[in-house]
Amino acid sequence: MAISVTAAAGAASADGGTFLGRLHKVRQIASTVPANGDVNPYGTAVVARDAGKLRRGNVLVSNFNNSQNQQGTGTTLVQISPRGTAKLFAQIDPAHLPGKCPGGVGLTTALSILPGGWVVVGSLPTTDGTAATAKPGCLLVLDSRGKVRETIAGHGINGPWDMTAKSYGDRTDLFVTNVLNGTVAGGGDEVDRGTVLRITLKRHGNRPPTRVKTTKIGSGFAQKTDPAALVIGPTGVGLAKDGSLYVADTVKNRITVIPRALTRKSSAGTGRVVSSDCKLNGPLGLAIAPNGHILTVNSGDGNIVETTPKGRQVAFRQLDKSGSPPGAGALFGLAVDLDRDAVYFVDDATNFLNVLR
């Protein structure tokens, strides 16, 4: 199904040099619901190279809820082709993990695919879908055939919520946001203890990568529990070519930047504010556009917003208008396609993977 999408009032013109200015239609690709009924798709990652069951150009999606719509209980990853073929990539059994994952499995937006087809996905688990039972979770490392080979827990991992990755040589740096540092004890009040970790892994060919070092590069982000969203805290992260890490600071309704994210040895706090308010409305997923601009999707109104590194919001589009208010709670993970001329995004209102072209 194709839906015409036009720039809303105040957006940059289509020929104004923006990335979104060239994209005009939303098309549904395929349902993200596997046979076990998991719903609420969160993480979105594009497969760059064939490996095992992974196929270049396909999109991997993680599900956060089970078939009863309980948050923090989803256990599946689905692989979807651009033409709409959806296949189960992995269904993870919390009772049979190769290592510790405090609380079990509830797959989040934290999803990356490393060289060799290693898939890393975050888990923020609950037992009944409520924040009161949320546990620290872990990062789950799967091989290219969908088997969990390793868990990475502790060392600051506490509710891994979103992630991006940078690989070089035999190393990969994972940049992971965490949203459970004192959040449950806050009982719905804002707790400014959210973090961003840089977790350095060493890859070993056919053997699972191992953690080399963890460095806290961001701290003090606002976070709180929420009946509808389970938890709200620092969400999307995107690494620019110059090594700057952009963070969607959801509670504060802004985008911040952590400089020298690849090399810094200490926390930059919440970083420098790049842009806030205006067309931002609870930014969640974040990706870096081919032109270096920052793409974020709003939790409050179903819009995608394009912001320059200098903080100017130059374009926006409505991706979802269901519900009341229109588009609220529908969007989460997003990723630029391999041709760099479209954006994939998951729609939680319909449980579909969509593309904006």
Protein backbone atom coordinates (compact mmCIF):
# COMPACT_ATOMS: atom_id res chain seq x y z
CA MET A 1 0.00 0.00 0.00
CA ALA A 2 1.41 3.42 -0.96
CA ILE A 3 0.48 6.61 0.88
CA SER A 4 1.28 10.03 -0.50
CA VAL A 5 3.32 12.05 1.97
CA THR A 6 3.83 15.78 1.52
CA ALA A 7 5.83 18.32 3.47
CA ALA A 8 3.74 19.90 6.18
CA ALA A 9 3.62 23.66 6.63
CA GLY A 10 6.99 25.00 7.66
CA ALA A 11 9.04 22.17 6.16
CA ALA A 12 11.80 22.87 3.68
CA SER A 13 10.91 22.67 0.02
CA ALA A 14 11.61 19.49 -1.92
CA ASP A 15 14.52 21.10 -3.73
CA GLY A 16 15.97 22.78 -0.67
CA GLY A 17 18.91 20.41 -0.27
CA THR A 18 17.29 18.24 2.39
CA PHE A 19 17.25 14.45 2.44
CA LEU A 20 13.53 14.25 3.24
CA GLY A 21 12.80 16.69 0.42
CA ARG A 22 13.42 13.86 -2.06
CA LEU A 23 11.17 11.35 -0.27
CA HIS A 24 7.43 11.51 -0.81
CA LYS A 25 5.69 8.15 -0.37
CA VAL A 26 5.27 5.69 2.46
CA ARG A 27 4.83 2.06 1.42
CA GLN A 28 3.98 -0.84 3.69
CA ILE A 29 6.42 -3.70 3.10
CA ALA A 30 5.34 -6.57 5.37
CA SER A 31 3.92 -7.48 8.74
CA THR A 32 6.51 -7.86 11.51
CA VAL A 33 4.34 -10.37 13.43
CA PRO A 34 5.82 -13.90 13.39
CA ALA A 35 3.98 -17.16 14.01
CA ASN A 36 4.19 -16.86 17.81
CA GLY A 37 2.27 -13.55 17.68
CA ASP A 38 4.96 -11.18 19.00
CA VAL A 39 4.07 -7.53 18.36
CA ASN A 40 5.43 -3.99 18.89
CA PRO A 41 8.41 -3.92 16.50
CA TYR A 42 11.25 -1.80 17.86
CA GLY A 43 14.73 -2.34 16.41
CA THR A 44 15.49 -1.92 12.69
CA ALA A 45 18.79 -2.83 11.00
CA VAL A 46 19.69 -3.28 7.32
CA VAL A 47 21.79 -6.30 6.33
CA ALA A 48 24.93 -5.07 4.53
CA ARG A 49 26.34 -8.47 3.44
CA ASP A 50 25.14 -12.03 2.91
CA ALA A 51 25.99 -14.29 5.85
CA GLY A 52 24.26 -17.47 6.98
CA LYS A 53 20.52 -16.76 6.90
CA LEU A 54 21.07 -13.02 6.50
CA ARG A 55 20.59 -11.59 3.00
CA ARG A 56 22.06 -8.31 1.78
CA GLY A 57 19.48 -5.51 1.58
CA ASN A 58 17.00 -7.22 3.87
CA VAL A 59 15.86 -5.61 7.11
CA LEU A 60 16.08 -7.23 10.52
CA VAL A 61 13.39 -6.25 13.04
CA SER A 62 13.16 -7.01 16.77
CA ASN A 63 9.84 -7.37 18.64
CA PHE A 64 9.42 -5.98 22.17
CA ASN A 65 5.99 -7.42 23.13
CA ASN A 66 4.55 -10.94 23.18
CA SER A 67 1.23 -12.01 21.66
CA GLN A 68 -0.60 -10.73 24.78
CA ASN A 69 0.96 -7.31 24.10
CA GLN A 70 3.00 -7.40 27.31
CA GLN A 71 5.99 -5.10 27.00
CA GLY A 72 9.46 -6.47 27.62
CA THR A 73 8.51 -10.04 26.74
CA GLY A 74 9.09 -10.21 22.96
CA THR A 75 11.60 -12.87 21.92
CA THR A 76 11.69 -12.77 18.11
CA LEU A 77 13.72 -11.27 15.29
CA VAL A 78 12.14 -11.18 11.83
CA GLN A 79 14.00 -10.71 8.54
CA ILE A 80 12.07 -8.90 5.79
CA SER A 81 13.06 -8.44 2.15
CA PRO A 82 12.41 -5.14 0.32
CA ARG A 83 9.77 -6.98 -1.73
CA GLY A 84 7.86 -8.04 1.36
CA THR A 85 8.95 -11.59 2.16
CA ALA A 86 9.10 -12.03 5.93
CA LYS A 87 10.85 -14.93 7.66
CA LEU A 88 11.63 -15.69 11.28
CA PHE A 89 15.34 -15.16 11.92
CA ALA A 90 15.39 -16.12 15.58
CA GLN A 91 13.07 -17.01 18.45
CA ILE A 92 15.04 -16.77 21.68
CA ASP A 93 14.26 -19.05 24.62
CA PRO A 94 14.93 -17.14 27.87
CA ALA A 95 15.37 -20.45 29.70
CA HIS A 96 18.23 -21.60 27.47
CA LEU A 97 20.74 -18.78 27.15
CA PRO A 98 24.52 -19.33 27.04
CA GLY A 99 25.13 -16.79 29.79
CA LYS A 100 23.54 -14.33 32.21
CA CYS A 101 20.77 -11.96 31.13
CA PRO A 102 19.20 -10.62 34.34
CA GLY A 103 15.42 -10.89 34.03
CA GLY A 104 15.22 -12.79 30.75
CA VAL A 105 14.35 -11.60 27.24
CA GLY A 106 12.43 -8.59 25.96
CA LEU A 107 14.03 -7.38 22.73
CA THR A 108 14.51 -3.61 22.41
CA THR A 109 15.47 -1.10 19.71
CA ALA A 110 19.15 -1.81 20.42
CA LEU A 111 19.95 -3.80 17.28
CA SER A 112 23.12 -3.93 15.16
CA ILE A 113 24.64 -6.33 12.61
CA LEU A 114 28.42 -6.73 12.78
CA PRO A 115 30.88 -8.04 10.17
CA GLY A 116 30.62 -11.81 9.83
CA GLY A 117 26.87 -11.69 10.36
CA TRP A 118 26.99 -11.40 14.15
CA VAL A 119 23.76 -9.84 15.40
CA VAL A 120 23.68 -7.93 18.69
CA VAL A 121 20.30 -7.09 20.22
CA GLY A 122 19.37 -5.53 23.54
CA SER A 123 17.07 -7.08 26.12
CA LEU A 124 15.06 -5.08 28.68
CA PRO A 125 12.86 -7.81 30.17
CA THR A 126 9.75 -7.82 32.33
CA THR A 127 7.71 -10.71 33.70
CA ASP A 128 4.27 -9.17 33.20
CA GLY A 129 4.70 -6.20 30.86
CA THR A 130 4.92 -3.59 33.64
CA ALA A 131 7.81 -1.37 34.68
CA ALA A 132 7.61 -2.69 38.23
CA THR A 133 9.06 -6.01 37.07
CA ALA A 134 11.68 -4.62 34.66
CA LYS A 135 15.20 -6.01 35.09
CA PRO A 136 18.65 -4.91 33.82
CA GLY A 137 18.75 -7.36 30.90
CA CYS A 138 21.77 -7.72 28.64
CA LEU A 139 23.03 -7.69 25.08
CA LEU A 140 22.40 -10.94 23.22
CA VAL A 141 24.89 -11.99 20.55
CA LEU A 142 23.50 -14.24 17.79
CA ASP A 143 25.37 -15.86 14.93
CA SER A 144 24.28 -15.43 11.30
CA ARG A 145 21.93 -18.40 11.57
CA GLY A 146 19.98 -16.92 14.48
CA LYS A 147 21.48 -18.91 17.37
CA VAL A 148 22.32 -17.06 20.59
CA ARG A 149 26.03 -17.66 21.19
CA GLU A 150 26.81 -15.19 23.97
CA THR A 151 25.34 -12.72 26.44
CA ILE A 152 26.98 -9.48 27.56
CA ALA A 153 25.72 -8.26 30.94
CA GLY A 154 26.83 -6.03 33.79
CA HIS A 155 29.60 -3.41 33.48
CA GLY A 156 26.96 -0.65 33.32
CA ILE A 157 24.43 -2.40 31.08
CA ASN A 158 21.07 -1.65 32.69
CA GLY A 159 18.07 -1.61 30.39
CA PRO A 160 19.81 -1.36 26.97
CA TRP A 161 17.36 0.69 24.92
CA ASP A 162 19.01 1.58 21.61
CA MET A 163 22.35 1.11 19.90
CA THR A 164 24.56 1.89 16.94
CA ALA A 165 27.89 0.32 16.00
CA LYS A 166 31.19 1.14 14.28
CA SER A 167 33.54 -1.63 13.11
CA TYR A 168 37.22 -1.32 12.24
CA GLY A 169 39.82 -4.07 11.84
CA ASP A 170 38.86 -6.87 14.21
CA ARG A 171 37.11 -4.48 16.63
CA THR A 172 33.59 -3.11 16.95
CA ASP A 173 32.45 -0.27 19.18
CA LEU A 174 28.84 -0.54 20.33
CA PHE A 175 27.20 2.67 21.53
CA VAL A 176 24.38 1.65 23.88
CA THR A 177 21.83 3.80 25.73
CA ASN A 178 20.62 2.54 29.13
CA VAL A 179 17.35 3.60 30.75
CA LEU A 180 16.96 1.66 34.03
CA ASN A 181 19.46 3.35 36.33
CA GLY A 182 17.17 4.04 39.28
CA THR A 183 14.18 4.47 36.99
CA VAL A 184 11.87 1.83 38.51
CA ALA A 185 12.55 3.13 42.03
CA GLY A 186 11.56 6.61 40.79
CA GLY A 187 7.96 5.42 40.43
CA GLY A 188 7.19 7.62 37.43
CA ASP A 189 9.23 10.63 38.53
CA GLU A 190 12.12 11.83 36.36
CA VAL A 191 15.45 10.31 37.29
CA ASP A 192 18.50 11.89 35.62
CA ARG A 193 20.75 8.83 35.50
CA GLY A 194 20.46 7.51 31.94
CA THR A 195 23.77 6.57 30.33
CA VAL A 196 25.49 5.96 27.02
CA LEU A 197 28.16 3.23 27.00
CA ARG A 198 30.84 2.51 24.43
CA ILE A 199 31.39 -1.24 24.54
CA THR A 200 34.43 -2.40 22.58
CA LEU A 201 34.28 -5.95 21.22
CA LYS A 202 36.98 -8.03 19.60
CA ARG A 203 35.81 -10.31 16.80
CA HIS A 204 37.20 -13.84 16.41
CA GLY A 205 35.96 -15.16 13.07
CA ASN A 206 33.55 -18.03 13.73
CA ARG A 207 33.78 -17.63 17.50
CA PRO A 208 31.59 -15.08 19.30
CA PRO A 209 33.12 -11.61 19.80
CA THR A 210 34.39 -10.82 23.27
CA ARG A 211 34.08 -7.65 25.32
CA VAL A 212 37.38 -5.81 25.64
CA LYS A 213 36.36 -2.67 27.48
CA THR A 214 33.35 -0.60 28.52
CA THR A 215 33.54 3.19 28.75
CA LYS A 216 30.77 5.46 29.99
CA ILE A 217 30.75 8.34 27.49
CA GLY A 218 27.36 9.86 28.38
CA SER A 219 25.48 10.24 31.66
CA GLY A 220 22.78 12.22 33.44
CA PHE A 221 20.07 11.68 30.82
CA ALA A 222 16.47 12.00 31.97
CA GLN A 223 14.48 8.78 32.27
CA LYS A 224 11.18 7.73 33.83
CA THR A 225 8.67 4.89 33.84
CA ASP A 226 5.49 5.33 31.85
CA PRO A 227 2.31 3.17 31.80
CA ALA A 228 1.99 3.33 28.01
CA ALA A 229 5.66 3.18 27.00
CA LEU A 230 7.06 1.16 29.96
CA VAL A 231 10.06 3.50 30.20
CA ILE A 232 11.11 6.75 28.53
CA GLY A 233 14.75 7.72 28.35
CA PRO A 234 17.65 8.37 25.96
CA THR A 235 16.75 6.42 22.87
CA GLY A 236 18.11 6.71 19.32
CA VAL A 237 21.84 7.11 18.70
CA GLY A 238 23.68 7.84 15.46
CA LEU A 239 27.42 8.15 14.79
CA ALA A 240 28.54 10.85 12.36
CA LYS A 241 31.63 10.62 10.15
CA ASP A 242 33.55 12.97 12.42
CA GLY A 243 33.01 10.70 15.43
CA SER A 244 30.24 12.75 17.01
CA LEU A 245 27.46 10.66 18.58
CA TYR A 246 23.98 12.16 18.36
CA VAL A 247 21.46 11.13 21.02
CA ALA A 248 17.67 11.44 21.04
CA ASP A 249 17.08 12.77 24.56
CA THR A 250 13.42 11.78 24.59
CA VAL A 251 12.25 13.11 27.96
CA LYS A 252 13.82 16.53 27.39
CA ASN A 253 12.50 16.65 23.79
CA ARG A 254 15.85 17.39 22.24
CA ILE A 255 18.84 16.07 20.33
CA THR A 256 22.24 16.27 21.99
CA VAL A 257 25.73 15.41 20.72
CA ILE A 258 28.62 13.68 22.47
CA PRO A 259 31.90 14.76 20.80
CA ARG A 260 34.81 12.36 20.14
CA ALA A 261 32.62 9.36 20.93
CA LEU A 262 35.11 6.90 19.42
CA THR A 263 38.07 8.05 21.50
CA ARG A 264 36.90 9.86 24.61
CA LYS A 265 37.86 8.27 27.93
CA SER A 266 35.25 9.90 30.17
CA SER A 267 31.62 10.95 30.21
CA ALA A 268 30.50 14.08 28.40
CA GLY A 269 27.37 14.18 30.54
CA THR A 270 24.36 14.72 28.32
CA GLY A 271 26.56 16.43 25.73
CA ARG A 272 25.83 19.64 23.90
CA VAL A 273 22.24 20.47 22.91
CA VAL A 274 21.92 20.47 19.11
CA SER A 275 18.20 21.18 18.75
CA SER A 276 15.10 21.12 20.93
CA ASP A 277 11.32 21.54 20.76
CA CYS A 278 9.83 23.09 17.58
CA LYS A 279 9.00 20.04 15.39
CA LEU A 280 10.58 17.58 17.82
CA ASN A 281 7.89 15.79 19.81
CA GLY A 282 9.41 13.08 21.97
CA PRO A 283 12.14 11.89 19.55
CA LEU A 284 12.80 8.15 19.66
CA GLY A 285 14.59 6.43 16.77
CA LEU A 286 17.56 8.27 15.24
CA ALA A 287 19.66 7.75 12.11
CA ILE A 288 22.24 9.75 10.19
CA ALA A 289 21.11 10.69 6.67
CA PRO A 290 23.52 10.45 3.68
CA ASN A 291 23.92 14.24 3.72
CA GLY A 292 25.07 14.16 7.37
CA HIS A 293 21.79 15.47 8.75
CA ILE A 294 20.06 13.86 11.73
CA LEU A 295 16.80 11.98 11.23
CA THR A 296 14.52 11.40 14.22
CA VAL A 297 11.01 10.00 14.56
CA ASN A 298 8.57 11.45 17.08
CA SER A 299 6.65 9.44 19.65
CA GLY A 300 4.09 12.22 19.98
CA ASP A 301 2.79 12.82 16.46
CA GLY A 302 4.07 10.26 13.93
CA ASN A 303 6.48 12.68 12.23
CA ILE A 304 10.03 12.22 10.99
CA VAL A 305 12.22 15.32 11.40
CA GLU A 306 15.45 16.24 9.64
CA THR A 307 17.90 18.40 11.61
CA THR A 308 21.30 19.75 10.58
CA PRO A 309 24.36 19.25 12.83
CA LYS A 310 24.10 22.98 13.58
CA GLY A 311 20.61 22.47 14.98
CA ARG A 312 18.35 23.78 12.23
CA GLN A 313 15.23 21.67 11.70
CA VAL A 314 14.98 21.77 7.92
CA ALA A 315 12.24 19.28 7.00
CA PHE A 316 9.60 16.97 8.40
CA ARG A 317 7.07 14.45 7.15
CA GLN A 318 4.15 12.63 8.73
CA LEU A 319 4.73 8.87 8.58
CA ASP A 320 1.74 7.72 10.62
CA LYS A 321 -1.55 9.45 11.44
CA SER A 322 -3.46 6.69 13.20
CA GLY A 323 -4.87 7.03 16.70
CA SER A 324 -5.54 10.07 18.84
CA PRO A 325 -3.58 12.27 18.73
CA PRO A 326 -2.63 11.23 15.18
CA GLY A 327 0.56 9.16 15.03
CA ALA A 328 1.19 9.10 18.78
CA GLY A 329 3.14 6.04 19.92
CA ALA A 330 3.50 4.56 16.44
CA LEU A 331 7.17 5.06 15.56
CA PHE A 332 10.44 3.71 16.95
CA GLY A 333 13.40 2.24 15.04
CA LEU A 334 14.54 3.51 11.64
CA ALA A 335 17.44 2.86 9.25
CA VAL A 336 18.63 4.26 5.92
CA ASP A 337 18.62 1.68 3.11
CA LEU A 338 21.80 0.51 1.35
CA ASP A 339 21.14 2.67 -1.72
CA ARG A 340 20.94 5.67 0.64
CA ASP A 341 17.77 6.94 -1.03
CA ALA A 342 15.06 5.68 1.35
CA VAL A 343 14.36 5.16 5.06
CA TYR A 344 12.96 2.00 6.63
CA PHE A 345 10.90 2.37 9.79
CA VAL A 346 8.71 0.19 11.97
CA ASP A 347 5.14 1.22 12.72
CA ASP A 348 3.97 -0.03 16.12
CA ALA A 349 0.37 0.99 15.40
CA THR A 350 0.11 -1.49 12.51
CA ASN A 351 2.97 -3.91 13.32
CA PHE A 352 4.44 -3.37 9.85
CA LEU A 353 7.81 -2.51 8.42
CA ASN A 354 7.40 0.49 6.11
CA VAL A 355 9.64 2.48 3.79
CA LEU A 356 9.68 6.18 2.98
CA ARG A 357 10.89 6.75 -0.60
